[in-house]
Structures are given as structure tokens and as C-alpha cells.
Amino acid sequence: MKNKNLWLSFIIAVGVIFLLTWVVPSTNYNDAGVLALGAINPTGIWDFFYYASMLLLWFGQNVLFIVFLGIFYGILNGTGALRVLVNKIATYFKKREKLFLVLCSSLFIIISSFIGIDFPLLIFMPLVVGIILTLGFDKITALKTIIIPILIGSMGSLYSSKFYGPLAGYIEPGITHGWYKLAIIVIGLVGMGLYLYFTSKVLKGKAKETINEEMLFIEKDEGPKKQKIWPLVTILSVILVLYILGLTPWASMFKFLGFETFHKSLLDFKIGNFAIFKSIFGFTTVAFGTWSITSINTLLVILSVVLILIYKVEWKKAYENAFEGIKKLLPTAVLVTLSSIIFVMVSQTDILNTILKMTVDLAKGLNVFTYSIASFLGAALANSDFITTYVTGTLSSILGENANLQLLIFIQQVMYGIAMLIAPTSIVLLTGLSYLEVDYTKWLKNIWKLVLVLVAISIIILTIAIRL
């Protein structure tokens, strides 16, 4: 537990929510289907540890992603290829270091906004962080270049399966509020590029941060001194292509059913009575466009084996490297696991409904400020996989017949991105801070002005969207 400040900040947040369950009454649907204030339903000590023991079962896929990420980069570290690639890219961008920051931030915004994902994009974090620190920037700059663009992309996501998927039966497929989302994307691209260019500094001499090469998976004392990098570049390119193919909701966003049709034909293909592809890949295999974090986990395992075979790593050494990779990311995996305890407490005690309803009731009708605040609080308190169920659904119930579900999802999407920049429950932020061992308070001190600017821009865009 090296990052004591981060853990302390998280523990304080958990403690505050624990105490709130003792003073804030629950809100449930009554017999008439209306949200009504109920009794206080406090979380007991037994309840707390029961919830904690069930977190892996309820939210284990995100944790597995970090574990498999550790295996992948642990094996990669042993080959020495990542170190060589980092140094080559850093050498190429020497004397134009800020250009690399702008290019990276732009790429993260574009990919996140098009595919509609955030957390899975951290698969590229060790590589990008290694390059940024090698170029002479500090850890905060590295996090700004990765975390903020990913979440800005989420704010302007053309069609995020996370928000639209669970409510697909209630809304028409396709992109909605497209021009407003495009405005967020363009403003994010230009604004983030200028922000990084004019605020980032290449540190030199004593001011330059010491690079923890072991943490970054680029240890110099491991692996051969020279190593071919084309296999690694190919693998990283394959990951990016499969991300785009697998995670982009082609059917929901573009109404393109080609991948689903091909997938069905492939699994139905038989030689005699033997379904060859269905037997090899398994009946749980899903089509491009419907991938989830589970599919990414499988991909990481397969590519880890590919790394071993291509770089001819001895299996014993591969096992040792994989184990070391898991150890490096274990604190991050534990923190990400525990982060969902806050959502479990507020949902099981039904105080989340109370918080949302009290916030919305401050104004009558659809009000951009109250609904933005409610969406922000909901995103900060709810697990990202359950936001539409526990937040958007609740807001829709409060509005009743006047609810514009597409608009509510858009508001939720925008405020989710902002909340995940600062909330101590954000798995994207927690992963970045834990991996780079950056204090939570130091992060807030460095980005609060940028967050205020994002809030102002978001409120303006959402106000226009509501009125038009």
C-alpha cells in the first residue's frame, strides 16, 4: 500500500457513505409505483463485510481485466521489447515532446467517443506512460494525457453501450443529439490539445522525476539488450483494430447487422453434424459490435500466449514474469474491487434514490442544473454498469410522462465523464492514480480549474439541447 494518500482518501469516502446510511432515509416505489420516502435503513458492520466479500462475484470482470493486464505486460517486460519500443518512440519525439502529448490525447478522445468505452482503453496506459515519462514529463502530465481525454471522449460518445444498451428496448437505435456530442468532441480535441501544449513542461536536471522502470514494465536489467519490436507493434495494432471492431455498437449506432449475421453463419457452419467453429470458439462467443470487458479479458490471455511464442520465452520464465506483473498491479486490482462498495451501500439501503429525488425536487420539470447535479452524484455513487438502472431510470420515473429518455441519457453521459475525473469511486481514475502512485489530493489540485471549464461548457451545451 505505497500510495497511502489515495487509500486514505478512498477510506474517508467509504466512511462518509457508511455514516450517511445511518441518517438518510430510504426511498422506494410504493404500491402506486411512485417514489416515496421511507425509513432509515443503516448499513451494519455485518452488512458491510458481507458486501465486501461479494464484490468479486458482482464486479469481478474489471478486476480480471487488471490481472490479465498485469500478466500481459509482465510477460512483455521480460522480452525487453516494450523497453525498446518506448525508447524508439521517445527518441523520435525528442525536441517535439508536446506534439506526442497532443497526438495521444486526440487519439484517446476519438477512440473513446467513437467506440463509447473508457476503462478498457487503459490497456495502452503502460506503453503511453512509459513514453511520456521517458520524454521528461511528470506523472500528473502522463495521467492528464490519458485519463482526461478518455473521459472527455465518454462525455461526447456518439453511442455508449454502457448508457444506451440497458435501455435499448425503450428507445430507438441510432445516434441521438449527434451535433451536441460532436461539439463536445471537437471542443475536447482542440481544448485538450491547447491545454497540454501550453501547460505541460519537460522537466530537466534535478526537477526531472525518477522513472520507476520496474513499475512501468521497462526494466533495463531484464530481457535481451536488443529486441525486435515489429511483433509488439503488430500485437498492439491488432488490439486497436479488434477494439474498434468488437466494442463499437455497429447495430445500435449504425444499424449495421453484417457482423451479427456473419457470426451466426460462422457458428452454424458444420462439417457433417459437427459445428466446427462453435466447438472451437465456444457457444458464448459473441459477434463484433457486442464485445464486453469479458471479451477483452479473453483477448489479453490469447495475446499473452502469442507473446510467449513469438519471443520464444521459456514457459518457466513466462510464469515468473506473469506473476511479477500481477504483483505490480495487485494493489490497483484490490482498490478497483473495493471501489464498488460505495455503490452497494447506497443501492442496498436505497439512499441513492433519496439523494437523486431530493436533488431533482429542487426544481420543477426538466432543469439542466438539477438534473446535471443529480446525474453527477449518481455517476459518482453508482457502479458504471448500473448507472442507467439506478440513476437514469430513477430520473425518468420522477419525470413520468414528461421524461425524454434520450435526453436524460445524454445528460447522464456528459456528467458521468466529469464525475469520473474527480470521484474517488472512479475505476478509471483509481487505476491511473494507483498505477503511477499519485496522490488523490495532488490530482485534484492540478485539474480543478480544467474541471470547472468542462462543467461550464457542458452546462451550456446541455441547456441548448434541452431548449431546442
Protein backbone atom coordinates (compact mmCIF):
# COMPACT_ATOMS: atom_id res chain seq x y z
CA MET A 1 0.00 0.00 0.00
CA LYS A 2 2.54 2.59 -1.19
CA ASN A 3 0.00 5.25 -2.15
CA LYS A 4 -1.28 5.94 1.35
CA ASN A 5 -2.89 9.24 0.38
CA LEU A 6 -5.03 7.56 -2.26
CA TRP A 7 -6.09 4.79 0.09
CA LEU A 8 -6.84 7.28 2.87
CA SER A 9 -8.98 9.39 0.51
CA PHE A 10 -10.91 6.30 -0.54
CA ILE A 11 -11.39 5.09 3.04
CA ILE A 12 -12.72 8.52 4.05
CA ALA A 13 -15.20 8.42 1.15
CA VAL A 14 -16.37 4.96 2.21
CA GLY A 15 -16.71 6.12 5.81
CA VAL A 16 -18.81 9.13 4.81
CA ILE A 17 -21.22 6.98 2.82
CA PHE A 18 -21.37 4.41 5.62
CA LEU A 19 -22.44 7.16 8.06
CA LEU A 20 -24.93 8.60 5.55
CA THR A 21 -26.81 5.30 5.52
CA TRP A 22 -27.44 5.91 9.24
CA VAL A 23 -29.02 9.33 8.79
CA VAL A 24 -30.52 9.45 5.28
CA PRO A 25 -33.88 7.66 4.89
CA SER A 26 -34.50 5.23 2.07
CA THR A 27 -36.74 5.98 -0.91
CA ASN A 28 -38.68 3.18 -2.59
CA TYR A 29 -41.52 2.71 -5.04
CA ASN A 30 -44.86 2.47 -3.24
CA ASP A 31 -47.90 0.46 -4.36
CA ALA A 32 -48.82 3.21 -6.80
CA GLY A 33 -45.41 2.99 -8.46
CA VAL A 34 -44.32 6.37 -7.10
CA LEU A 35 -41.04 7.03 -5.29
CA ALA A 36 -41.84 7.71 -1.64
CA LEU A 37 -39.69 8.45 1.37
CA GLY A 38 -39.32 5.52 3.79
CA ALA A 39 -37.45 4.59 6.93
CA ILE A 40 -33.73 4.77 7.63
CA ASN A 41 -32.03 1.53 6.65
CA PRO A 42 -28.49 1.73 8.10
CA THR A 43 -25.59 -0.42 6.95
CA GLY A 44 -24.39 -2.61 9.81
CA ILE A 45 -20.90 -3.91 10.36
CA TRP A 46 -22.00 -7.41 9.36
CA ASP A 47 -23.64 -5.96 6.22
CA PHE A 48 -20.50 -4.07 5.28
CA PHE A 49 -18.22 -7.10 5.35
CA TYR A 50 -20.85 -9.24 3.63
CA TYR A 51 -20.98 -6.69 0.78
CA ALA A 52 -17.17 -6.58 0.64
CA SER A 53 -16.95 -10.38 0.41
CA MET A 54 -19.34 -10.41 -2.54
CA LEU A 55 -17.64 -7.69 -4.59
CA LEU A 56 -15.55 -10.08 -6.69
CA LEU A 57 -18.63 -12.10 -7.58
CA TRP A 58 -20.63 -8.98 -8.52
CA PHE A 59 -17.95 -6.90 -10.22
CA GLY A 60 -15.13 -9.34 -10.92
CA GLN A 61 -14.70 -8.67 -14.65
CA ASN A 62 -13.00 -5.31 -14.13
CA VAL A 63 -10.64 -6.88 -11.62
CA LEU A 64 -9.83 -9.72 -14.03
CA PHE A 65 -9.00 -7.10 -16.66
CA ILE A 66 -6.33 -5.61 -14.39
CA VAL A 67 -4.99 -9.06 -13.50
CA PHE A 68 -4.74 -10.12 -17.15
CA LEU A 69 -3.24 -6.72 -17.97
CA GLY A 70 -0.55 -7.45 -15.39
CA ILE A 71 0.10 -10.86 -16.97
CA PHE A 72 0.33 -9.36 -20.47
CA TYR A 73 2.74 -6.59 -19.52
CA GLY A 74 4.67 -8.82 -17.13
CA ILE A 75 5.46 -11.23 -19.96
CA LEU A 76 6.14 -8.29 -22.29
CA ASN A 77 8.55 -6.80 -19.76
CA GLY A 78 10.58 -10.00 -19.75
CA THR A 79 11.08 -9.83 -23.52
CA GLY A 80 12.57 -6.34 -23.40
CA ALA A 81 10.51 -5.36 -26.45
CA LEU A 82 8.43 -2.77 -24.62
CA ARG A 83 11.57 -1.02 -23.36
CA VAL A 84 12.98 -0.87 -26.90
CA LEU A 85 9.69 0.44 -28.34
CA VAL A 86 9.36 3.10 -25.63
CA ASN A 87 12.90 4.34 -26.23
CA LYS A 88 12.47 4.40 -30.02
CA ILE A 89 9.26 6.43 -29.85
CA ALA A 90 10.72 8.76 -27.21
CA THR A 91 13.81 9.32 -29.38
CA TYR A 92 11.64 10.11 -32.41
CA PHE A 93 9.67 12.77 -30.49
CA LYS A 94 12.70 14.35 -28.85
CA LYS A 95 12.53 18.16 -29.23
CA ARG A 96 8.85 17.82 -30.15
CA GLU A 97 7.70 16.23 -26.93
CA LYS A 98 4.48 18.24 -26.66
CA LEU A 99 3.40 17.00 -30.07
CA PHE A 100 3.30 13.48 -28.65
CA LEU A 101 1.00 14.62 -25.83
CA VAL A 102 -1.37 16.29 -28.30
CA LEU A 103 -1.42 13.28 -30.62
CA CYS A 104 -2.06 10.84 -27.76
CA SER A 105 -4.82 12.91 -26.17
CA SER A 106 -6.52 13.36 -29.56
CA LEU A 107 -6.35 9.64 -30.29
CA PHE A 108 -7.85 8.73 -26.90
CA ILE A 109 -10.70 11.22 -27.37
CA ILE A 110 -11.51 9.97 -30.87
CA ILE A 111 -11.41 6.27 -29.95
CA SER A 112 -13.39 6.72 -26.74
CA SER A 113 -16.05 8.87 -28.41
CA PHE A 114 -16.45 6.54 -31.38
CA ILE A 115 -16.43 3.22 -29.52
CA GLY A 116 -18.09 4.52 -26.35
CA ILE A 117 -15.69 2.97 -23.84
CA ASP A 118 -13.33 4.25 -21.16
CA PHE A 119 -11.88 1.67 -18.75
CA PRO A 120 -10.78 -0.89 -21.41
CA LEU A 121 -8.64 1.79 -23.09
CA LEU A 122 -6.27 1.64 -20.13
CA ILE A 123 -4.77 -1.37 -21.87
CA PHE A 124 -2.48 1.17 -23.58
CA MET A 125 -1.61 3.05 -20.37
CA PRO A 126 1.72 1.33 -19.51
CA LEU A 127 3.04 1.96 -23.02
CA VAL A 128 1.92 5.61 -23.22
CA VAL A 129 3.00 6.41 -19.65
CA GLY A 130 6.43 4.92 -20.29
CA ILE A 131 6.91 7.14 -23.35
CA ILE A 132 5.66 10.31 -21.63
CA LEU A 133 7.91 9.87 -18.60
CA THR A 134 10.87 8.99 -20.80
CA LEU A 135 10.28 12.23 -22.71
CA GLY A 136 10.74 14.11 -19.42
CA PHE A 137 7.20 14.94 -18.33
CA ASP A 138 5.91 14.23 -14.83
CA LYS A 139 3.34 11.67 -13.70
CA ILE A 140 0.49 14.20 -13.49
CA THR A 141 1.06 15.16 -17.12
CA ALA A 142 1.01 11.48 -18.08
CA LEU A 143 -2.32 10.99 -16.31
CA LYS A 144 -3.76 14.17 -17.86
CA THR A 145 -2.82 12.90 -21.31
CA ILE A 146 -4.62 9.60 -20.77
CA ILE A 147 -7.39 9.88 -18.17
CA ILE A 148 -8.89 13.25 -19.12
CA PRO A 149 -9.09 12.58 -22.90
CA ILE A 150 -10.63 9.14 -22.35
CA LEU A 151 -13.35 10.66 -20.17
CA ILE A 152 -13.91 13.62 -22.50
CA GLY A 153 -14.47 11.04 -25.21
CA SER A 154 -17.01 9.35 -22.95
CA MET A 155 -18.80 12.67 -22.48
CA GLY A 156 -19.19 13.08 -26.24
CA SER A 157 -19.62 9.40 -27.06
CA LEU A 158 -21.77 9.00 -30.17
CA TYR A 159 -23.39 5.86 -28.79
CA SER A 160 -22.21 4.41 -25.49
CA SER A 161 -23.45 0.86 -24.93
CA LYS A 162 -22.97 1.45 -21.21
CA PHE A 163 -25.77 4.03 -21.21
CA TYR A 164 -27.95 3.11 -24.16
CA GLY A 165 -27.61 -0.67 -24.13
CA PRO A 166 -29.62 -1.41 -20.94
CA LEU A 167 -32.46 0.80 -22.19
CA ALA A 168 -32.38 -0.34 -25.82
CA GLY A 169 -35.88 -1.77 -25.50
CA TYR A 170 -37.29 1.65 -24.63
CA ILE A 171 -35.52 3.82 -27.19
CA GLU A 172 -34.91 3.79 -30.92
CA PRO A 173 -31.45 2.64 -32.06
CA GLY A 174 -29.10 5.13 -33.64
CA ILE A 175 -27.19 8.27 -32.74
CA THR A 176 -29.16 10.99 -30.96
CA HIS A 177 -28.11 14.56 -30.09
CA GLY A 178 -25.32 13.97 -32.60
CA TRP A 179 -24.43 17.63 -33.19
CA TYR A 180 -24.18 18.33 -29.47
CA LYS A 181 -21.96 15.30 -28.97
CA LEU A 182 -19.84 16.35 -31.92
CA ALA A 183 -19.46 19.78 -30.33
CA ILE A 184 -18.14 18.18 -27.15
CA ILE A 185 -15.71 16.05 -29.16
CA VAL A 186 -14.39 18.98 -31.22
CA ILE A 187 -14.10 21.29 -28.22
CA GLY A 188 -12.39 18.48 -26.33
CA LEU A 189 -9.91 17.83 -29.13
CA VAL A 190 -8.96 21.48 -29.57
CA GLY A 191 -9.15 22.45 -25.92
CA MET A 192 -7.25 19.44 -24.60
CA GLY A 193 -4.55 19.86 -27.23
CA LEU A 194 -4.03 23.53 -26.37
CA TYR A 195 -4.18 22.81 -22.64
CA LEU A 196 -1.48 20.15 -22.79
CA TYR A 197 0.68 22.17 -25.18
CA PHE A 198 0.73 25.33 -23.08
CA THR A 199 0.70 23.88 -19.56
CA SER A 200 2.99 20.86 -19.87
CA LYS A 201 6.69 21.23 -19.17
CA VAL A 202 9.61 18.96 -19.98
CA LEU A 203 11.47 18.61 -16.70
CA LYS A 204 15.26 18.65 -16.75
CA GLY A 205 18.04 18.13 -14.27
CA LYS A 206 17.03 17.74 -10.64
CA ALA A 207 13.43 18.66 -11.45
CA LYS A 208 13.03 15.57 -13.63
CA GLU A 209 11.14 12.75 -11.94
CA THR A 210 12.92 9.48 -11.39
CA ILE A 211 11.43 6.82 -13.62
CA ASN A 212 10.44 3.67 -11.79
CA GLU A 213 11.25 1.29 -14.63
CA GLU A 214 10.09 -1.74 -12.68
CA MET A 215 6.66 -0.20 -12.20
CA LEU A 216 6.46 0.78 -15.88
CA PHE A 217 7.38 -2.72 -17.12
CA ILE A 218 10.52 -1.38 -18.86
CA GLU A 219 13.26 -2.73 -16.57
CA LYS A 220 16.69 -2.46 -18.16
CA ASP A 221 18.17 -5.41 -16.32
CA GLU A 222 15.67 -7.90 -17.74
CA GLY A 223 15.49 -9.41 -21.19
CA PRO A 224 17.94 -9.04 -24.08
CA LYS A 225 19.63 -5.68 -24.74
CA LYS A 226 18.31 -5.64 -28.30
CA GLN A 227 14.91 -6.90 -29.35
CA LYS A 228 12.73 -6.84 -32.44
CA ILE A 229 9.68 -4.65 -31.97
CA TRP A 230 7.61 -5.43 -35.07
CA PRO A 231 5.75 -8.30 -33.32
CA LEU A 232 4.82 -5.97 -30.44
CA VAL A 233 3.71 -3.21 -32.81
CA THR A 234 1.64 -5.78 -34.69
CA ILE A 235 0.01 -7.05 -31.48
CA LEU A 236 -0.81 -3.53 -30.29
CA SER A 237 -2.26 -2.75 -33.73
CA VAL A 238 -4.37 -5.92 -33.57
CA ILE A 239 -5.66 -4.85 -30.15
CA LEU A 240 -6.70 -1.46 -31.50
CA VAL A 241 -8.40 -2.95 -34.57
CA LEU A 242 -10.25 -5.56 -32.50
CA TYR A 243 -11.30 -2.86 -30.05
CA ILE A 244 -12.87 -0.90 -32.88
CA LEU A 245 -14.48 -3.96 -34.46
CA GLY A 246 -15.57 -5.65 -31.25
CA LEU A 247 -16.61 -2.78 -28.99
CA THR A 248 -18.22 -0.39 -31.46
CA PRO A 249 -22.02 -0.98 -31.26
CA TRP A 250 -22.46 -1.35 -35.00
CA ALA A 251 -26.08 -2.49 -34.89
CA SER A 252 -27.27 0.06 -32.32
CA MET A 253 -25.31 3.02 -33.63
CA PHE A 254 -25.24 2.46 -37.40
CA LYS A 255 -27.95 -0.24 -37.74
CA PHE A 256 -25.34 -2.44 -39.43
CA LEU A 257 -26.11 -6.13 -38.87
CA GLY A 258 -23.34 -7.61 -41.02
CA PHE A 259 -21.15 -8.76 -38.14
CA GLU A 260 -24.04 -10.43 -36.32
CA THR A 261 -25.12 -12.21 -39.50
CA PHE A 262 -21.56 -13.40 -40.16
CA HIS A 263 -21.19 -14.54 -36.54
CA LYS A 264 -24.36 -16.62 -36.74
CA SER A 265 -23.30 -18.17 -40.05
CA LEU A 266 -19.87 -18.99 -38.66
CA LEU A 267 -21.20 -20.74 -35.56
CA ASP A 268 -23.85 -22.59 -37.58
CA PHE A 269 -21.30 -23.90 -40.09
CA LYS A 270 -20.99 -27.68 -39.85
CA ILE A 271 -18.88 -30.39 -41.36
CA GLY A 272 -21.29 -33.27 -41.29
CA ASN A 273 -23.02 -32.94 -37.94
CA PHE A 274 -20.03 -31.26 -36.28
CA ALA A 275 -20.27 -27.48 -35.67
CA ILE A 276 -16.56 -26.85 -36.02
CA PHE A 277 -16.29 -23.13 -35.19
CA LYS A 278 -18.88 -23.29 -32.44
CA SER A 279 -16.95 -26.14 -30.83
CA ILE A 280 -13.56 -24.40 -31.15
CA PHE A 281 -14.57 -20.89 -30.06
CA GLY A 282 -17.44 -21.87 -27.77
CA PHE A 283 -21.15 -21.05 -27.83
CA THR A 284 -20.55 -17.97 -25.63
CA THR A 285 -18.53 -16.31 -28.39
CA VAL A 286 -20.13 -13.00 -29.33
CA ALA A 287 -20.18 -11.05 -32.58
CA PHE A 288 -18.18 -7.92 -33.32
CA GLY A 289 -20.12 -4.97 -32.01
CA THR A 290 -21.31 -6.81 -28.92
CA TRP A 291 -18.00 -7.33 -27.11
CA SER A 292 -17.68 -6.55 -23.41
CA ILE A 293 -14.83 -6.44 -20.90
CA THR A 294 -15.11 -10.25 -20.76
CA SER A 295 -14.10 -10.46 -24.42
CA ILE A 296 -11.15 -8.15 -23.74
CA ASN A 297 -10.01 -10.40 -20.92
CA THR A 298 -10.04 -13.39 -23.27
CA LEU A 299 -8.12 -11.37 -25.86
CA LEU A 300 -5.43 -10.49 -23.29
CA VAL A 301 -4.94 -14.15 -22.39
CA ILE A 302 -4.60 -15.18 -26.04
CA LEU A 303 -2.15 -12.36 -26.82
CA SER A 304 -0.09 -13.20 -23.75
CA VAL A 305 0.41 -16.71 -25.16
CA VAL A 306 1.22 -15.19 -28.57
CA LEU A 307 3.92 -13.05 -26.93
CA ILE A 308 5.48 -16.14 -25.35
CA LEU A 309 5.55 -17.98 -28.66
CA ILE A 310 6.78 -15.11 -30.84
CA TYR A 311 9.54 -14.00 -28.47
CA LYS A 312 10.40 -17.61 -27.59
CA VAL A 313 10.08 -17.06 -23.86
CA GLU A 314 10.67 -20.14 -21.73
CA TRP A 315 7.46 -21.19 -20.03
CA LYS A 316 9.04 -21.11 -16.59
CA LYS A 317 10.30 -17.58 -17.22
CA ALA A 318 6.94 -16.57 -18.65
CA TYR A 319 5.24 -17.80 -15.50
CA GLU A 320 7.65 -15.83 -13.31
CA ASN A 321 7.18 -12.66 -15.39
CA ALA A 322 3.41 -13.04 -15.37
CA PHE A 323 3.45 -13.45 -11.59
CA GLU A 324 5.58 -10.30 -11.23
CA GLY A 325 3.15 -8.41 -13.46
CA ILE A 326 0.22 -9.44 -11.27
CA LYS A 327 2.12 -8.35 -8.14
CA LYS A 328 2.75 -4.90 -9.59
CA LEU A 329 -0.92 -4.33 -10.36
CA LEU A 330 -2.32 -6.18 -7.35
CA PRO A 331 -2.84 -3.01 -5.23
CA THR A 332 -4.68 -1.48 -8.19
CA ALA A 333 -6.86 -4.59 -8.58
CA VAL A 334 -7.74 -4.55 -4.87
CA LEU A 335 -8.61 -0.85 -4.96
CA VAL A 336 -10.79 -1.25 -8.05
CA THR A 337 -12.56 -4.17 -6.37
CA LEU A 338 -13.30 -2.23 -3.21
CA SER A 339 -14.43 0.87 -5.12
CA SER A 340 -17.84 -0.70 -5.74
CA ILE A 341 -18.59 -1.00 -2.01
CA ILE A 342 -19.96 2.55 -2.05
CA PHE A 343 -22.46 1.69 -4.78
CA VAL A 344 -23.51 -1.46 -2.94
CA MET A 345 -24.19 0.51 0.25
CA VAL A 346 -26.20 3.31 -1.38
CA SER A 347 -28.20 0.90 -3.53
CA GLN A 348 -28.93 -1.69 -0.84
CA THR A 349 -30.06 0.97 1.64
CA ASP A 350 -31.93 2.90 -1.11
CA ILE A 351 -30.39 6.23 -0.10
CA LEU A 352 -29.28 6.72 -3.71
CA ASN A 353 -32.94 7.17 -4.68
CA THR A 354 -33.34 9.67 -1.84
CA ILE A 355 -30.32 11.71 -2.92
CA LEU A 356 -31.47 11.79 -6.54
CA LYS A 357 -35.07 12.67 -5.72
CA MET A 358 -34.13 15.42 -3.26
CA THR A 359 -31.81 16.96 -5.85
CA VAL A 360 -34.35 16.84 -8.68
CA ASP A 361 -37.16 18.17 -6.46
CA LEU A 362 -35.24 21.43 -6.06
CA ALA A 363 -36.78 22.49 -9.36
CA LYS A 364 -39.94 21.58 -11.23
CA GLY A 365 -39.74 19.89 -14.61
CA LEU A 366 -36.60 19.13 -16.57
CA ASN A 367 -33.99 21.55 -15.27
CA VAL A 368 -30.46 21.35 -16.64
CA PHE A 369 -28.82 22.30 -13.35
CA THR A 370 -30.68 19.98 -11.02
CA TYR A 371 -30.59 17.05 -13.43
CA SER A 372 -26.90 17.62 -14.08
CA ILE A 373 -26.19 17.65 -10.35
CA ALA A 374 -28.31 14.54 -9.84
CA SER A 375 -26.56 12.81 -12.76
CA PHE A 376 -23.16 13.82 -11.40
CA LEU A 377 -23.94 12.48 -7.93
CA GLY A 378 -25.45 9.33 -9.40
CA ALA A 379 -22.37 8.67 -11.51
CA ALA A 380 -20.07 9.26 -8.54
CA LEU A 381 -22.03 6.87 -6.32
CA ALA A 382 -23.19 4.18 -8.76
CA ASN A 383 -21.12 1.49 -10.41
CA SER A 384 -20.77 2.42 -14.07
CA ASP A 385 -22.50 -0.78 -15.22
CA PHE A 386 -25.65 0.12 -13.27
CA ILE A 387 -25.98 3.86 -13.91
CA THR A 388 -28.91 3.56 -16.28
CA THR A 389 -30.78 1.27 -13.90
CA TYR A 390 -30.18 3.12 -10.67
CA VAL A 391 -29.80 6.71 -11.91
CA THR A 392 -31.28 7.32 -15.36
CA GLY A 393 -34.22 5.03 -14.61
CA THR A 394 -34.93 6.85 -11.35
CA LEU A 395 -34.77 10.26 -13.00
CA SER A 396 -37.14 9.02 -15.69
CA SER A 397 -39.59 7.80 -13.05
CA ILE A 398 -39.56 11.18 -11.33
CA LEU A 399 -40.40 12.95 -14.59
CA GLY A 400 -43.06 10.40 -15.51
CA GLU A 401 -44.82 11.05 -18.80
CA ASN A 402 -42.68 14.13 -19.39
CA ALA A 403 -39.49 12.08 -19.45
CA ASN A 404 -37.32 12.36 -22.54
CA LEU A 405 -35.23 9.24 -22.10
CA GLN A 406 -32.75 10.05 -24.86
CA LEU A 407 -32.10 13.45 -23.34
CA LEU A 408 -31.75 12.05 -19.83
CA ILE A 409 -29.18 9.53 -21.07
CA PHE A 410 -27.28 12.32 -22.81
CA ILE A 411 -27.19 14.37 -19.61
CA GLN A 412 -26.09 11.30 -17.66
CA GLN A 413 -23.37 10.54 -20.18
CA VAL A 414 -21.90 14.04 -20.03
CA MET A 415 -21.95 14.28 -16.25
CA TYR A 416 -20.55 10.77 -15.91
CA GLY A 417 -17.39 11.87 -17.70
CA ILE A 418 -16.96 14.84 -15.36
CA ALA A 419 -17.70 12.80 -12.23
CA MET A 420 -15.16 10.14 -13.17
CA LEU A 421 -12.45 12.81 -13.34
CA ILE A 422 -12.67 13.56 -9.63
CA ALA A 423 -14.76 10.93 -7.84
CA PRO A 424 -12.79 8.60 -5.52
CA THR A 425 -15.01 5.81 -6.87
CA SER A 426 -13.91 6.21 -10.50
CA ILE A 427 -12.22 2.98 -11.58
CA VAL A 428 -10.56 4.79 -14.50
CA LEU A 429 -9.07 7.40 -12.16
CA LEU A 430 -8.25 4.94 -9.38
CA THR A 431 -6.40 2.69 -11.81
CA GLY A 432 -4.31 5.58 -13.10
CA LEU A 433 -3.53 7.04 -9.68
CA SER A 434 -2.72 3.65 -8.17
CA TYR A 435 -0.55 2.55 -11.09
CA LEU A 436 1.53 5.73 -11.07
CA GLU A 437 1.38 6.13 -7.28
CA VAL A 438 -0.02 9.68 -7.49
CA ASP A 439 -1.79 11.27 -4.52
CA TYR A 440 -5.52 11.85 -4.95
CA THR A 441 -5.29 15.35 -3.45
CA LYS A 442 -2.39 16.24 -5.77
CA TRP A 443 -4.52 15.18 -8.72
CA LEU A 444 -7.42 17.39 -7.62
CA LYS A 445 -5.12 20.41 -7.12
CA ASN A 446 -3.85 20.03 -10.68
CA ILE A 447 -7.14 19.61 -12.53
CA TRP A 448 -9.83 21.54 -10.62
CA LYS A 449 -9.66 24.54 -12.96
CA LEU A 450 -9.98 22.32 -16.02
CA VAL A 451 -12.94 20.51 -14.44
CA LEU A 452 -14.71 23.84 -13.86
CA VAL A 453 -14.19 24.74 -17.52
CA LEU A 454 -15.61 21.35 -18.59
CA VAL A 455 -18.61 21.86 -16.30
CA ALA A 456 -19.30 25.31 -17.78
CA ILE A 457 -19.05 24.05 -21.37
CA SER A 458 -21.23 21.05 -20.56
CA ILE A 459 -23.95 23.14 -18.94
CA ILE A 460 -24.06 25.45 -21.97
CA ILE A 461 -24.35 22.53 -24.41
CA LEU A 462 -26.95 20.72 -22.29
CA THR A 463 -29.01 23.91 -21.87
CA ILE A 464 -29.13 24.35 -25.64
CA ALA A 465 -30.03 20.67 -26.08
CA ILE A 466 -32.91 20.95 -23.59
CA ARG A 467 -34.35 24.14 -25.02
CA LEU A 468 -34.13 23.04 -28.63
